[in-house]
Amino acid sequence: MIKLDFINYSIWKSQMEDLLFCRDLYDPIEANDIKPKDKSEEDWKKVNRKTISMIRQWIDQSICHHVSNETNTFNLWKKLSELFESKNAQNKAFLIQKLVNLKYKDGSSVAEHLSNFQNLVN
């Protein structure tokens, strides 16, 4: 599992969804913050808190401040989506800057470099 940073959201998101699903922690996201009828209030709060903890531990410190106050999984997930999936001018400018500054690093593989490029383009 990779930590979320400013250039790998699409890959991080799919890996995080898989991780949460495998650990039975995807309900708070999938249920749109609506408690399933088969769960008690206490169980729902517990799974919500576990899911938030799992997500936050895979977010880079440079991004964590955007979601550090969220206590609701659905809202945290939505905030990350708005932050990284929106096509606003600020995001576009940031990605263009990252793309322009992308350079091959000695010692890294060409596949890794192309993967970094693809992450920026996607």
N, C-alpha and C. Protein backbone atom coordinates (compact mmCIF):
# COMPACT_ATOMS: atom_id res chain seq x y z
N MET A 1 0.85 -1.18 0.00
CA MET A 1 0.00 0.00 0.00
C MET A 1 0.89 1.24 0.00
N ILE A 2 0.54 2.19 -0.83
CA ILE A 2 1.31 3.43 -0.93
C ILE A 2 0.60 4.53 -0.15
N LYS A 3 1.37 5.48 0.35
CA LYS A 3 0.79 6.64 1.02
C LYS A 3 0.31 7.64 -0.02
N LEU A 4 -0.83 8.24 0.26
CA LEU A 4 -1.39 9.25 -0.63
C LEU A 4 -0.52 10.49 -0.61
N ASP A 5 -0.14 10.95 -1.81
CA ASP A 5 0.53 12.24 -1.94
C ASP A 5 -0.16 13.01 -3.06
N PHE A 6 0.44 14.09 -3.49
CA PHE A 6 -0.24 14.95 -4.45
C PHE A 6 -0.27 14.41 -5.88
N ILE A 7 0.44 13.31 -6.15
CA ILE A 7 0.46 12.83 -7.54
C ILE A 7 -0.06 11.41 -7.73
N ASN A 8 -0.43 10.70 -6.68
CA ASN A 8 -0.80 9.30 -6.86
C ASN A 8 -2.24 8.97 -6.43
N TYR A 9 -3.12 9.94 -6.44
CA TYR A 9 -4.47 9.72 -5.91
C TYR A 9 -5.21 8.58 -6.60
N SER A 10 -5.16 8.50 -7.92
CA SER A 10 -5.95 7.48 -8.62
C SER A 10 -5.51 6.07 -8.24
N ILE A 11 -4.22 5.85 -8.13
CA ILE A 11 -3.72 4.53 -7.72
C ILE A 11 -4.02 4.29 -6.24
N TRP A 12 -3.74 5.30 -5.41
CA TRP A 12 -3.98 5.18 -3.97
C TRP A 12 -5.45 4.86 -3.70
N LYS A 13 -6.35 5.54 -4.39
CA LYS A 13 -7.79 5.35 -4.16
C LYS A 13 -8.20 3.90 -4.42
N SER A 14 -7.77 3.34 -5.55
CA SER A 14 -8.18 1.97 -5.85
C SER A 14 -7.57 0.98 -4.86
N GLN A 15 -6.33 1.20 -4.45
CA GLN A 15 -5.71 0.33 -3.46
C GLN A 15 -6.39 0.47 -2.10
N MET A 16 -6.74 1.68 -1.73
CA MET A 16 -7.40 1.91 -0.44
C MET A 16 -8.78 1.27 -0.43
N GLU A 17 -9.52 1.40 -1.52
CA GLU A 17 -10.84 0.76 -1.59
C GLU A 17 -10.71 -0.74 -1.41
N ASP A 18 -9.71 -1.35 -2.08
CA ASP A 18 -9.49 -2.79 -1.94
C ASP A 18 -9.14 -3.16 -0.50
N LEU A 19 -8.25 -2.39 0.11
CA LEU A 19 -7.84 -2.65 1.49
C LEU A 19 -9.02 -2.55 2.45
N LEU A 20 -9.81 -1.50 2.31
CA LEU A 20 -10.97 -1.33 3.19
C LEU A 20 -11.99 -2.44 2.98
N PHE A 21 -12.21 -2.83 1.73
CA PHE A 21 -13.17 -3.89 1.43
C PHE A 21 -12.72 -5.22 2.05
N CYS A 22 -11.42 -5.54 1.89
CA CYS A 22 -10.89 -6.80 2.44
C CYS A 22 -10.95 -6.85 3.96
N ARG A 23 -10.92 -5.71 4.60
CA ARG A 23 -10.96 -5.66 6.07
C ARG A 23 -12.35 -5.33 6.61
N ASP A 24 -13.35 -5.43 5.74
CA ASP A 24 -14.75 -5.15 6.12
C ASP A 24 -14.92 -3.76 6.70
N LEU A 25 -14.23 -2.78 6.12
CA LEU A 25 -14.31 -1.40 6.58
C LEU A 25 -14.85 -0.46 5.50
N TYR A 26 -15.43 -1.02 4.45
CA TYR A 26 -15.89 -0.18 3.35
C TYR A 26 -17.32 0.34 3.54
N ASP A 27 -18.07 -0.24 4.45
CA ASP A 27 -19.47 0.17 4.66
C ASP A 27 -19.68 1.66 4.89
N PRO A 28 -18.88 2.32 5.74
CA PRO A 28 -19.12 3.76 5.97
C PRO A 28 -19.00 4.61 4.70
N ILE A 29 -18.23 4.17 3.75
CA ILE A 29 -18.11 4.91 2.49
C ILE A 29 -19.26 4.53 1.56
N GLU A 30 -19.49 3.25 1.43
CA GLU A 30 -20.51 2.74 0.52
C GLU A 30 -21.92 3.12 0.95
N ALA A 31 -22.14 3.20 2.25
CA ALA A 31 -23.48 3.49 2.78
C ALA A 31 -23.81 4.98 2.79
N ASN A 32 -22.91 5.81 2.29
CA ASN A 32 -23.15 7.26 2.27
C ASN A 32 -23.52 7.80 3.65
N ASP A 33 -22.84 7.30 4.66
CA ASP A 33 -23.02 7.77 6.03
C ASP A 33 -24.37 7.38 6.64
N ILE A 34 -25.04 6.41 6.05
CA ILE A 34 -26.32 5.94 6.60
C ILE A 34 -26.07 4.61 7.29
N LYS A 35 -26.35 4.54 8.57
CA LYS A 35 -26.11 3.33 9.35
C LYS A 35 -27.00 2.19 8.85
N PRO A 36 -26.37 1.05 8.54
CA PRO A 36 -27.18 -0.11 8.15
C PRO A 36 -28.08 -0.56 9.29
N LYS A 37 -29.24 -1.08 8.96
CA LYS A 37 -30.21 -1.48 9.98
C LYS A 37 -29.71 -2.63 10.85
N ASP A 38 -28.80 -3.44 10.30
CA ASP A 38 -28.32 -4.60 11.05
C ASP A 38 -27.17 -4.27 12.01
N LYS A 39 -26.77 -3.01 12.10
CA LYS A 39 -25.68 -2.61 13.00
C LYS A 39 -26.23 -1.71 14.11
N SER A 40 -25.70 -1.93 15.30
CA SER A 40 -26.07 -1.05 16.41
C SER A 40 -25.34 0.28 16.25
N GLU A 41 -25.80 1.26 16.95
CA GLU A 41 -25.16 2.59 16.90
C GLU A 41 -23.70 2.50 17.34
N GLU A 42 -23.46 1.74 18.39
CA GLU A 42 -22.10 1.58 18.91
C GLU A 42 -21.19 0.88 17.89
N ASP A 43 -21.69 -0.18 17.26
CA ASP A 43 -20.90 -0.89 16.24
C ASP A 43 -20.62 0.01 15.04
N TRP A 44 -21.61 0.81 14.66
CA TRP A 44 -21.44 1.71 13.52
C TRP A 44 -20.37 2.77 13.81
N LYS A 45 -20.40 3.32 15.01
CA LYS A 45 -19.38 4.31 15.40
C LYS A 45 -18.00 3.67 15.41
N LYS A 46 -17.92 2.45 15.88
CA LYS A 46 -16.64 1.75 15.95
C LYS A 46 -16.07 1.48 14.55
N VAL A 47 -16.89 0.98 13.63
CA VAL A 47 -16.40 0.70 12.28
C VAL A 47 -16.06 2.01 11.55
N ASN A 48 -16.81 3.05 11.82
CA ASN A 48 -16.53 4.36 11.23
C ASN A 48 -15.16 4.86 11.70
N ARG A 49 -14.90 4.72 12.99
CA ARG A 49 -13.62 5.18 13.55
C ARG A 49 -12.45 4.34 13.05
N LYS A 50 -12.64 3.03 12.94
CA LYS A 50 -11.59 2.15 12.41
C LYS A 50 -11.28 2.50 10.96
N THR A 51 -12.30 2.80 10.20
CA THR A 51 -12.10 3.14 8.79
C THR A 51 -11.34 4.45 8.66
N ILE A 52 -11.70 5.44 9.45
CA ILE A 52 -10.97 6.71 9.43
C ILE A 52 -9.50 6.49 9.78
N SER A 53 -9.25 5.69 10.79
CA SER A 53 -7.87 5.40 11.20
C SER A 53 -7.09 4.72 10.08
N MET A 54 -7.72 3.76 9.42
CA MET A 54 -7.05 3.05 8.33
C MET A 54 -6.71 4.01 7.19
N ILE A 55 -7.64 4.87 6.84
CA ILE A 55 -7.40 5.81 5.74
C ILE A 55 -6.30 6.79 6.12
N ARG A 56 -6.38 7.37 7.30
CA ARG A 56 -5.40 8.39 7.70
C ARG A 56 -3.97 7.88 7.77
N GLN A 57 -3.80 6.62 8.15
CA GLN A 57 -2.43 6.13 8.25
C GLN A 57 -1.77 5.96 6.89
N TRP A 58 -2.55 6.04 5.82
CA TRP A 58 -2.01 5.92 4.47
C TRP A 58 -2.09 7.25 3.72
N ILE A 59 -2.10 8.35 4.46
CA ILE A 59 -2.08 9.69 3.88
C ILE A 59 -0.80 10.38 4.30
N ASP A 60 -0.08 10.93 3.35
CA ASP A 60 1.16 11.63 3.63
C ASP A 60 0.90 12.85 4.53
N GLN A 61 1.90 13.19 5.34
CA GLN A 61 1.77 14.33 6.26
C GLN A 61 1.46 15.63 5.54
N SER A 62 1.93 15.76 4.32
CA SER A 62 1.69 17.00 3.57
C SER A 62 0.22 17.19 3.21
N ILE A 63 -0.57 16.14 3.32
CA ILE A 63 -1.99 16.19 2.98
C ILE A 63 -2.87 16.05 4.21
N CYS A 64 -2.34 15.45 5.23
CA CYS A 64 -3.12 15.10 6.42
C CYS A 64 -3.89 16.28 7.02
N HIS A 65 -3.32 17.46 6.98
CA HIS A 65 -4.01 18.61 7.58
C HIS A 65 -5.34 18.93 6.91
N HIS A 66 -5.52 18.47 5.67
CA HIS A 66 -6.80 18.70 4.96
C HIS A 66 -7.94 17.89 5.57
N VAL A 67 -7.61 16.77 6.20
CA VAL A 67 -8.65 15.87 6.72
C VAL A 67 -8.48 15.55 8.20
N SER A 68 -7.59 16.22 8.88
CA SER A 68 -7.30 15.88 10.28
C SER A 68 -8.48 16.11 11.22
N ASN A 69 -9.39 16.99 10.89
CA ASN A 69 -10.53 17.27 11.77
C ASN A 69 -11.76 16.44 11.45
N GLU A 70 -11.71 15.65 10.39
CA GLU A 70 -12.88 14.86 10.01
C GLU A 70 -13.08 13.70 10.97
N THR A 71 -14.30 13.54 11.45
CA THR A 71 -14.64 12.44 12.35
C THR A 71 -15.65 11.50 11.71
N ASN A 72 -15.95 11.75 10.46
CA ASN A 72 -16.92 10.95 9.72
C ASN A 72 -16.25 10.42 8.45
N THR A 73 -16.28 9.11 8.28
CA THR A 73 -15.60 8.49 7.14
C THR A 73 -16.10 9.01 5.81
N PHE A 74 -17.40 9.08 5.66
CA PHE A 74 -17.96 9.52 4.38
C PHE A 74 -17.50 10.93 4.04
N ASN A 75 -17.51 11.82 5.01
CA ASN A 75 -17.06 13.20 4.78
C ASN A 75 -15.57 13.27 4.47
N LEU A 76 -14.77 12.45 5.15
CA LEU A 76 -13.34 12.41 4.89
C LEU A 76 -13.09 11.95 3.45
N TRP A 77 -13.77 10.88 3.03
CA TRP A 77 -13.61 10.34 1.68
C TRP A 77 -14.05 11.37 0.63
N LYS A 78 -15.15 12.04 0.93
CA LYS A 78 -15.67 13.06 0.02
C LYS A 78 -14.69 14.23 -0.10
N LYS A 79 -14.10 14.64 1.02
CA LYS A 79 -13.14 15.75 1.00
C LYS A 79 -11.92 15.39 0.17
N LEU A 80 -11.41 14.17 0.31
CA LEU A 80 -10.28 13.73 -0.50
C LEU A 80 -10.64 13.71 -1.97
N SER A 81 -11.82 13.25 -2.26
CA SER A 81 -12.29 13.23 -3.65
C SER A 81 -12.37 14.63 -4.23
N GLU A 82 -12.92 15.55 -3.47
CA GLU A 82 -13.02 16.94 -3.93
C GLU A 82 -11.64 17.57 -4.11
N LEU A 83 -10.73 17.22 -3.23
CA LEU A 83 -9.38 17.77 -3.27
C LEU A 83 -8.60 17.28 -4.49
N PHE A 84 -8.76 16.01 -4.84
CA PHE A 84 -7.92 15.43 -5.88
C PHE A 84 -8.63 15.17 -7.21
N GLU A 85 -9.94 15.03 -7.20
CA GLU A 85 -10.63 14.72 -8.44
C GLU A 85 -11.19 15.96 -9.14
N SER A 86 -11.25 17.05 -8.44
CA SER A 86 -11.79 18.25 -9.07
C SER A 86 -10.83 18.77 -10.12
N LYS A 87 -11.37 19.36 -11.13
CA LYS A 87 -10.58 19.86 -12.25
C LYS A 87 -10.45 21.38 -12.19
N ASN A 88 -10.26 21.90 -11.00
CA ASN A 88 -10.16 23.35 -10.88
C ASN A 88 -8.80 23.85 -11.36
N ALA A 89 -8.70 25.11 -11.56
CA ALA A 89 -7.48 25.71 -12.12
C ALA A 89 -6.27 25.49 -11.24
N GLN A 90 -6.45 25.53 -9.93
CA GLN A 90 -5.32 25.35 -9.02
C GLN A 90 -4.74 23.94 -9.15
N ASN A 91 -5.61 22.93 -9.21
CA ASN A 91 -5.14 21.55 -9.38
C ASN A 91 -4.44 21.37 -10.71
N LYS A 92 -5.01 21.94 -11.76
CA LYS A 92 -4.40 21.81 -13.08
C LYS A 92 -3.02 22.47 -13.11
N ALA A 93 -2.91 23.65 -12.53
CA ALA A 93 -1.62 24.35 -12.51
C ALA A 93 -0.59 23.55 -11.72
N PHE A 94 -1.01 22.98 -10.60
CA PHE A 94 -0.09 22.19 -9.79
C PHE A 94 0.40 20.97 -10.56
N LEU A 95 -0.52 20.27 -11.24
CA LEU A 95 -0.14 19.08 -12.00
C LEU A 95 0.75 19.42 -13.18
N ILE A 96 0.47 20.52 -13.84
CA ILE A 96 1.33 20.95 -14.96
C ILE A 96 2.72 21.26 -14.44
N GLN A 97 2.81 21.92 -13.31
CA GLN A 97 4.12 22.23 -12.72
C GLN A 97 4.87 20.94 -12.38
N LYS A 98 4.17 19.96 -11.80
CA LYS A 98 4.80 18.68 -11.48
C LYS A 98 5.27 17.97 -12.75
N LEU A 99 4.46 18.04 -13.81
CA LEU A 99 4.81 17.40 -15.07
C LEU A 99 6.04 18.05 -15.69
N VAL A 100 6.08 19.37 -15.69
CA VAL A 100 7.23 20.10 -16.24
C VAL A 100 8.50 19.78 -15.46
N ASN A 101 8.39 19.62 -14.15
CA ASN A 101 9.55 19.37 -13.30
C ASN A 101 9.92 17.89 -13.17
N LEU A 102 9.13 17.01 -13.78
CA LEU A 102 9.41 15.58 -13.69
C LEU A 102 10.70 15.25 -14.43
N LYS A 103 11.62 14.64 -13.73
CA LYS A 103 12.91 14.27 -14.32
C LYS A 103 13.22 12.84 -13.95
N TYR A 104 13.92 12.18 -14.85
CA TYR A 104 14.37 10.82 -14.59
C TYR A 104 15.43 10.86 -13.49
N LYS A 105 15.29 10.00 -12.49
CA LYS A 105 16.25 9.96 -11.39
C LYS A 105 17.22 8.81 -11.63
N ASP A 106 18.50 9.12 -11.57
CA ASP A 106 19.52 8.08 -11.72
C ASP A 106 19.28 6.97 -10.72
N GLY A 107 19.40 5.76 -11.19
CA GLY A 107 19.23 4.60 -10.32
C GLY A 107 17.81 4.06 -10.29
N SER A 108 16.85 4.82 -10.78
CA SER A 108 15.48 4.32 -10.82
C SER A 108 15.23 3.66 -12.17
N SER A 109 14.24 2.82 -12.23
CA SER A 109 13.94 2.13 -13.48
C SER A 109 13.13 3.03 -14.41
N VAL A 110 13.20 2.72 -15.68
CA VAL A 110 12.41 3.46 -16.67
C VAL A 110 10.92 3.23 -16.39
N ALA A 111 10.58 2.01 -15.98
CA ALA A 111 9.18 1.70 -15.67
C ALA A 111 8.66 2.58 -14.53
N GLU A 112 9.49 2.79 -13.52
CA GLU A 112 9.10 3.66 -12.40
C GLU A 112 8.91 5.10 -12.87
N HIS A 113 9.80 5.57 -13.71
CA HIS A 113 9.70 6.93 -14.25
C HIS A 113 8.42 7.08 -15.08
N LEU A 114 8.15 6.10 -15.93
CA LEU A 114 6.94 6.14 -16.75
C LEU A 114 5.68 6.05 -15.88
N SER A 115 5.76 5.30 -14.81
CA SER A 115 4.64 5.21 -13.88
C SER A 115 4.36 6.56 -13.22
N ASN A 116 5.42 7.26 -12.82
CA ASN A 116 5.27 8.60 -12.25
C ASN A 116 4.64 9.55 -13.26
N PHE A 117 5.09 9.46 -14.50
CA PHE A 117 4.53 10.28 -15.58
C PHE A 117 3.04 9.97 -15.75
N GLN A 118 2.71 8.69 -15.82
CA GLN A 118 1.32 8.27 -16.02
C GLN A 118 0.43 8.74 -14.88
N ASN A 119 0.95 8.70 -13.65
CA ASN A 119 0.17 9.18 -12.50
C ASN A 119 -0.18 10.66 -12.65
N LEU A 120 0.75 11.43 -13.16
CA LEU A 120 0.49 12.86 -13.35
C LEU A 120 -0.54 13.09 -14.46
N VAL A 121 -0.42 12.33 -15.52
CA VAL A 121 -1.32 12.51 -16.67
C VAL A 121 -2.73 12.07 -16.32
N ASN A 122 -2.86 11.00 -15.55
CA ASN A 122 -4.19 10.50 -15.18
C ASN A 122 -4.81 11.41 -14.16
